[in-house]
N, C-alpha and C. Protein backbone atom coordinates (compact mmCIF):
# COMPACT_ATOMS: atom_id res chain seq x y z
N MET A 1 25.41 13.01 -20.98
CA MET A 1 24.69 13.23 -20.07
C MET A 1 23.35 12.34 -20.67
N SER A 2 22.90 11.65 -19.59
CA SER A 2 21.58 10.61 -20.03
C SER A 2 20.40 11.47 -19.79
N GLN A 3 19.30 11.14 -20.62
CA GLN A 3 18.32 11.47 -20.86
C GLN A 3 17.56 11.66 -19.51
N SER A 4 17.45 10.47 -18.73
CA SER A 4 17.12 10.59 -17.48
C SER A 4 17.66 11.44 -16.60
N ASN A 5 18.94 11.84 -16.30
CA ASN A 5 19.69 12.67 -15.72
C ASN A 5 19.41 14.25 -16.20
N LEU A 6 19.22 14.46 -17.30
CA LEU A 6 18.88 15.87 -18.08
C LEU A 6 17.59 16.23 -17.70
N TYR A 7 16.33 15.24 -17.71
CA TYR A 7 14.96 15.31 -17.42
C TYR A 7 15.13 15.88 -15.83
N ALA A 8 16.04 15.18 -14.98
CA ALA A 8 15.56 15.40 -13.53
C ALA A 8 16.41 16.71 -13.05
N ILE A 9 17.44 17.03 -13.99
CA ILE A 9 18.00 18.64 -13.98
C ILE A 9 17.33 19.43 -14.50
N ARG A 10 16.49 19.27 -15.31
CA ARG A 10 15.70 20.46 -16.05
C ARG A 10 14.15 20.39 -15.08
N ASN A 11 13.98 19.70 -14.30
CA ASN A 11 12.87 19.60 -13.42
C ASN A 11 13.22 20.21 -12.22
N ALA A 12 14.56 20.07 -11.61
CA ALA A 12 15.16 20.81 -10.30
C ALA A 12 15.40 22.27 -10.41
N ILE A 13 15.89 22.94 -11.89
CA ILE A 13 15.88 23.83 -12.29
C ILE A 13 14.32 25.03 -12.36
N LEU A 14 13.28 24.16 -12.61
CA LEU A 14 11.89 24.13 -12.93
C LEU A 14 11.21 24.86 -11.49
N ALA A 15 11.83 23.84 -10.68
CA ALA A 15 11.17 23.75 -9.30
C ALA A 15 11.75 24.43 -8.39
N ASP A 16 13.08 24.90 -8.57
CA ASP A 16 14.36 25.71 -7.68
C ASP A 16 14.44 24.72 -6.79
N GLN A 17 14.81 23.32 -7.14
CA GLN A 17 15.22 22.36 -5.86
C GLN A 17 16.65 22.51 -6.28
N GLN A 18 17.41 21.91 -4.99
CA GLN A 18 18.57 21.29 -5.24
C GLN A 18 18.69 19.85 -5.73
N VAL A 19 19.93 19.45 -6.09
CA VAL A 19 20.00 18.08 -6.53
C VAL A 19 21.38 17.62 -5.70
N THR A 20 21.22 16.21 -5.82
CA THR A 20 22.59 15.47 -5.21
C THR A 20 22.81 14.62 -6.05
N CYS A 21 24.36 14.30 -6.25
CA CYS A 21 24.61 13.72 -7.71
C CYS A 21 25.96 13.11 -7.03
N VAL A 22 26.59 12.20 -7.95
CA VAL A 22 27.90 12.06 -7.99
C VAL A 22 28.85 11.97 -8.93
N TYR A 23 29.65 13.11 -8.81
CA TYR A 23 30.30 13.75 -10.47
C TYR A 23 31.74 13.61 -9.98
N GLU A 24 32.63 12.70 -11.22
CA GLU A 24 33.96 12.15 -10.87
C GLU A 24 34.04 11.93 -9.63
N GLY A 25 33.03 10.65 -9.23
CA GLY A 25 33.58 10.02 -8.31
C GLY A 25 33.52 10.66 -6.78
N ARG A 26 32.62 11.73 -7.17
CA ARG A 26 32.38 12.52 -5.78
C ARG A 26 31.21 12.83 -5.06
N ARG A 27 30.48 12.90 -3.91
CA ARG A 27 29.10 13.28 -3.85
C ARG A 27 29.11 14.56 -3.82
N ARG A 28 28.17 15.00 -4.37
CA ARG A 28 28.08 16.81 -4.70
C ARG A 28 26.34 17.11 -4.32
N GLU A 29 26.46 18.33 -3.35
CA GLU A 29 24.95 18.80 -3.52
C GLU A 29 24.71 20.21 -3.97
N LEU A 30 24.19 20.31 -5.59
CA LEU A 30 24.30 21.66 -5.72
C LEU A 30 22.86 21.99 -6.47
N CYS A 31 22.99 23.67 -6.77
CA CYS A 31 21.74 24.13 -7.39
C CYS A 31 22.00 24.42 -8.55
N PRO A 32 21.17 23.37 -9.43
CA PRO A 32 21.53 23.71 -11.22
C PRO A 32 20.98 24.93 -11.60
N HIS A 33 21.32 26.06 -12.46
CA HIS A 33 20.94 26.91 -12.84
C HIS A 33 20.32 26.93 -14.61
N ILE A 34 21.52 26.57 -15.30
CA ILE A 34 21.52 26.54 -16.94
C ILE A 34 21.72 25.34 -17.27
N ILE A 35 20.80 24.76 -18.09
CA ILE A 35 21.36 23.47 -19.04
C ILE A 35 21.76 24.00 -20.58
N GLY A 36 22.88 23.70 -21.18
CA GLY A 36 23.39 24.22 -22.49
C GLY A 36 24.43 23.27 -22.88
N THR A 37 25.46 24.06 -23.75
CA THR A 37 26.27 23.23 -24.15
C THR A 37 27.79 23.81 -23.96
N ASP A 38 28.52 23.00 -24.17
CA ASP A 38 30.34 23.69 -23.69
C ASP A 38 30.70 23.94 -25.18
N LYS A 39 32.06 24.40 -25.40
CA LYS A 39 32.72 24.53 -26.47
C LYS A 39 32.77 23.71 -27.32
N SER A 40 32.76 22.08 -27.15
CA SER A 40 32.98 21.13 -27.92
C SER A 40 31.12 20.77 -28.59
N GLY A 41 30.10 21.52 -27.87
CA GLY A 41 28.77 20.83 -28.40
C GLY A 41 28.31 19.93 -27.21
N ASP A 42 28.57 19.41 -26.35
CA ASP A 42 28.48 18.77 -25.44
C ASP A 42 27.62 19.14 -24.39
N GLU A 43 26.42 18.68 -24.14
CA GLU A 43 25.38 19.04 -22.96
C GLU A 43 26.27 19.54 -21.60
N ALA A 44 25.95 20.48 -20.93
CA ALA A 44 26.80 21.01 -19.67
C ALA A 44 25.72 21.40 -18.88
N VAL A 45 25.78 21.54 -17.70
CA VAL A 45 25.06 22.19 -16.42
C VAL A 45 25.83 23.34 -15.75
N LEU A 46 25.15 24.33 -15.92
CA LEU A 46 25.99 25.54 -14.68
C LEU A 46 25.46 25.40 -13.74
N ALA A 47 25.81 24.81 -12.60
CA ALA A 47 25.45 25.01 -11.08
C ALA A 47 26.16 25.18 -10.03
N TRP A 48 25.98 25.68 -8.83
CA TRP A 48 26.23 26.28 -7.98
C TRP A 48 26.43 25.13 -6.81
N GLN A 49 27.79 24.68 -6.69
CA GLN A 49 27.95 23.54 -5.47
C GLN A 49 27.91 24.18 -4.01
N PHE A 50 27.28 23.78 -3.28
CA PHE A 50 27.18 24.21 -1.76
C PHE A 50 27.62 23.20 -0.70
N ALA A 51 27.54 21.98 -1.28
CA ALA A 51 27.99 20.79 0.11
C ALA A 51 28.46 19.49 -0.84
N GLY A 52 29.02 18.94 -0.19
CA GLY A 52 29.66 17.84 -0.52
C GLY A 52 31.24 17.81 -0.55
N GLU A 53 31.50 16.88 -1.50
CA GLU A 53 33.04 16.57 -1.62
C GLU A 53 33.44 17.25 -2.97
N SER A 54 34.68 17.70 -2.95
CA SER A 54 35.68 18.46 -4.26
C SER A 54 36.63 17.71 -4.25
N SER A 55 37.33 18.17 -5.25
CA SER A 55 38.80 17.58 -5.61
C SER A 55 39.46 18.84 -5.59
N ARG A 56 38.97 19.98 -4.81
CA ARG A 56 39.76 21.32 -4.30
C ARG A 56 39.38 22.10 -2.90
N ARG A 57 40.37 22.39 -2.28
CA ARG A 57 39.78 23.27 -1.11
C ARG A 57 38.84 24.32 -1.29
N CYS A 58 38.05 24.52 -0.49
CA CYS A 58 37.21 25.85 -0.46
C CYS A 58 38.12 26.99 -0.66
N ARG A 59 37.38 28.28 -1.01
CA ARG A 59 38.16 29.35 -1.02
C ARG A 59 38.62 30.00 0.39
N ASN A 60 37.79 29.57 1.13
CA ASN A 60 38.22 30.13 2.54
C ASN A 60 39.18 29.01 3.42
N GLY A 61 39.38 28.07 2.86
CA GLY A 61 40.12 27.04 3.55
C GLY A 61 39.70 26.13 4.43
N SER A 62 38.26 26.05 4.58
CA SER A 62 37.72 25.24 5.75
C SER A 62 37.36 24.02 5.17
N ALA A 63 37.66 23.70 3.85
CA ALA A 63 37.72 22.16 3.71
C ALA A 63 38.73 21.42 3.51
């Protein structure tokens, strides 16, 4: 993750704001909650995606 992206996500968490991004080629809208590391030590963000595209269907089957 680039430092500018990390900084923007950090600021969104502190300001309780949503983020719009492109991840794996899909536009997503999400609320970031935690910045940390994954099992391999790479930076990772825990976020709730509430809109945008996904590679899977929604649980309620509406997408």
